[in-house]
Amino acid sequence: MSKKKEQGFEDSLNRLQEISDLLEKGEVGLEESIKLYEEGIGLANICYSTLKDAELKVTDLKKQLEKKIKE
């Protein structure tokens, strides 16, 4: 995973936590809450996609290692 993508994941996760904290406090109005929720869903999708890509990469690396061990 590239440093840029990794940083994007970390930034997305941190922003997602900020949004969660804001919504849990209940100090923002309905319209702002909806905007934050929408932003949070987008960030959650980015994080999920990044994690899924990482999982696929790890699985691929594991298969490569197992193949070399069998040789």
C-alpha atoms as a PDB file:
ATOM      1  CA  MET A   1       0.000   0.000   0.000  1.00  0.00           C
ATOM      2  CA  SER A   2       1.404   3.369  -0.940  1.00  0.00           C
ATOM      3  CA  LYS A   3       2.175   6.017   1.667  1.00  0.00           C
ATOM      4  CA  LYS A   4      -0.387   8.347   0.045  1.00  0.00           C
ATOM      5  CA  LYS A   5      -3.170   5.749   0.234  1.00  0.00           C
ATOM      6  CA  GLU A   6      -2.163   4.805   3.782  1.00  0.00           C
ATOM      7  CA  GLN A   7      -2.255   8.457   4.825  1.00  0.00           C
ATOM      8  CA  GLY A   8      -5.665   8.821   3.160  1.00  0.00           C
ATOM      9  CA  PHE A   9      -6.921   5.891   5.233  1.00  0.00           C
ATOM     10  CA  GLU A  10      -5.589   7.377   8.457  1.00  0.00           C
ATOM     11  CA  ASP A  11      -7.035  10.801   7.636  1.00  0.00           C
ATOM     12  CA  SER A  12     -10.391   9.264   6.737  1.00  0.00           C
ATOM     13  CA  LEU A  13     -10.468   7.232   9.925  1.00  0.00           C
ATOM     14  CA  ASN A  14      -9.585  10.262  12.059  1.00  0.00           C
ATOM     15  CA  ARG A  15     -12.259  12.391  10.382  1.00  0.00           C
ATOM     16  CA  LEU A  16     -14.767   9.583  10.834  1.00  0.00           C
ATOM     17  CA  GLN A  17     -13.990   9.576  14.554  1.00  0.00           C
ATOM     18  CA  GLU A  18     -14.459  13.355  14.708  1.00  0.00           C
ATOM     19  CA  ILE A  19     -17.832  13.052  12.986  1.00  0.00           C
ATOM     20  CA  SER A  20     -18.877  10.257  15.330  1.00  0.00           C
ATOM     21  CA  ASP A  21     -17.940  12.371  18.346  1.00  0.00           C
ATOM     22  CA  LEU A  22     -19.872  15.375  17.021  1.00  0.00           C
ATOM     23  CA  LEU A  23     -22.985  13.319  16.340  1.00  0.00           C
ATOM     24  CA  GLU A  24     -22.822  11.556  19.712  1.00  0.00           C
ATOM     25  CA  LYS A  25     -22.684  14.884  21.545  1.00  0.00           C
ATOM     26  CA  GLY A  26     -25.915  15.945  19.839  1.00  0.00           C
ATOM     27  CA  GLU A  27     -24.825  19.566  19.694  1.00  0.00           C
ATOM     28  CA  VAL A  28     -25.340  20.037  15.947  1.00  0.00           C
ATOM     29  CA  GLY A  29     -28.626  20.721  14.223  1.00  0.00           C
ATOM     30  CA  LEU A  30     -30.555  18.310  12.070  1.00  0.00           C
ATOM     31  CA  GLU A  31     -29.287  19.575   8.711  1.00  0.00           C
ATOM     32  CA  GLU A  32     -25.682  19.625   9.891  1.00  0.00           C
ATOM     33  CA  SER A  33     -26.145  16.148  11.369  1.00  0.00           C
ATOM     34  CA  ILE A  34     -27.370  14.866   8.007  1.00  0.00           C
ATOM     35  CA  LYS A  35     -24.391  16.436   6.210  1.00  0.00           C
ATOM     36  CA  LEU A  36     -21.992  14.922   8.734  1.00  0.00           C
ATOM     37  CA  TYR A  37     -23.703  11.543   8.444  1.00  0.00           C
ATOM     38  CA  GLU A  38     -23.384  11.643   4.649  1.00  0.00           C
ATOM     39  CA  GLU A  39     -19.714  12.570   4.939  1.00  0.00           C
ATOM     40  CA  GLY A  40     -19.227   9.759   7.435  1.00  0.00           C
ATOM     41  CA  ILE A  41     -20.804   7.205   5.111  1.00  0.00           C
ATOM     42  CA  GLY A  42     -18.443   8.306   2.325  1.00  0.00           C
ATOM     43  CA  LEU A  43     -15.443   8.038   4.628  1.00  0.00           C
ATOM     44  CA  ALA A  44     -16.567   4.635   5.892  1.00  0.00           C
ATOM     45  CA  ASN A  45     -16.751   3.447   2.278  1.00  0.00           C
ATOM     46  CA  ILE A  46     -13.223   4.710   1.634  1.00  0.00           C
ATOM     47  CA  CYS A  47     -11.927   2.936   4.750  1.00  0.00           C
ATOM     48  CA  TYR A  48     -13.755  -0.280   3.866  1.00  0.00           C
ATOM     49  CA  SER A  49     -12.368  -0.232   0.332  1.00  0.00           C
ATOM     50  CA  THR A  50      -8.840   0.399   1.568  1.00  0.00           C
ATOM     51  CA  LEU A  51      -9.088  -2.409   4.108  1.00  0.00           C
ATOM     52  CA  LYS A  52     -10.524  -4.782   1.504  1.00  0.00           C
ATOM     53  CA  ASP A  53      -7.632  -3.966  -0.852  1.00  0.00           C
ATOM     54  CA  ALA A  54      -5.165  -4.601   1.968  1.00  0.00           C
ATOM     55  CA  GLU A  55      -6.844  -7.915   2.774  1.00  0.00           C
ATOM     56  CA  LEU A  56      -6.596  -9.006  -0.865  1.00  0.00           C
ATOM     57  CA  LYS A  57      -2.926  -8.015  -0.962  1.00  0.00           C
ATOM     58  CA  VAL A  58      -2.153  -9.974   2.206  1.00  0.00           C
ATOM     59  CA  THR A  59      -4.034 -12.997   0.845  1.00  0.00           C
ATOM     60  CA  ASP A  60      -2.060 -12.787  -2.401  1.00  0.00           C
ATOM     61  CA  LEU A  61       1.245 -12.513  -0.546  1.00  0.00           C
ATOM     62  CA  LYS A  62       0.311 -15.468   1.630  1.00  0.00           C
ATOM     63  CA  LYS A  63      -0.471 -17.566  -1.447  1.00  0.00           C
ATOM     64  CA  GLN A  64       2.864 -16.592  -3.000  1.00  0.00           C
ATOM     65  CA  LEU A  65       4.678 -17.643   0.168  1.00  0.00           C
ATOM     66  CA  GLU A  66       2.828 -20.942   0.369  1.00  0.00           C
ATOM     67  CA  LYS A  67       3.674 -21.618  -3.270  1.00  0.00           C
ATOM     68  CA  LYS A  68       7.387 -20.997  -2.619  1.00  0.00           C
ATOM     69  CA  ILE A  69       7.340 -23.223   0.447  1.00  0.00           C
ATOM     70  CA  LYS A  70       5.876 -26.073  -1.598  1.00  0.00           C
ATOM     71  CA  GLU A  71       8.612 -25.776  -4.249  1.00  0.00           C
END
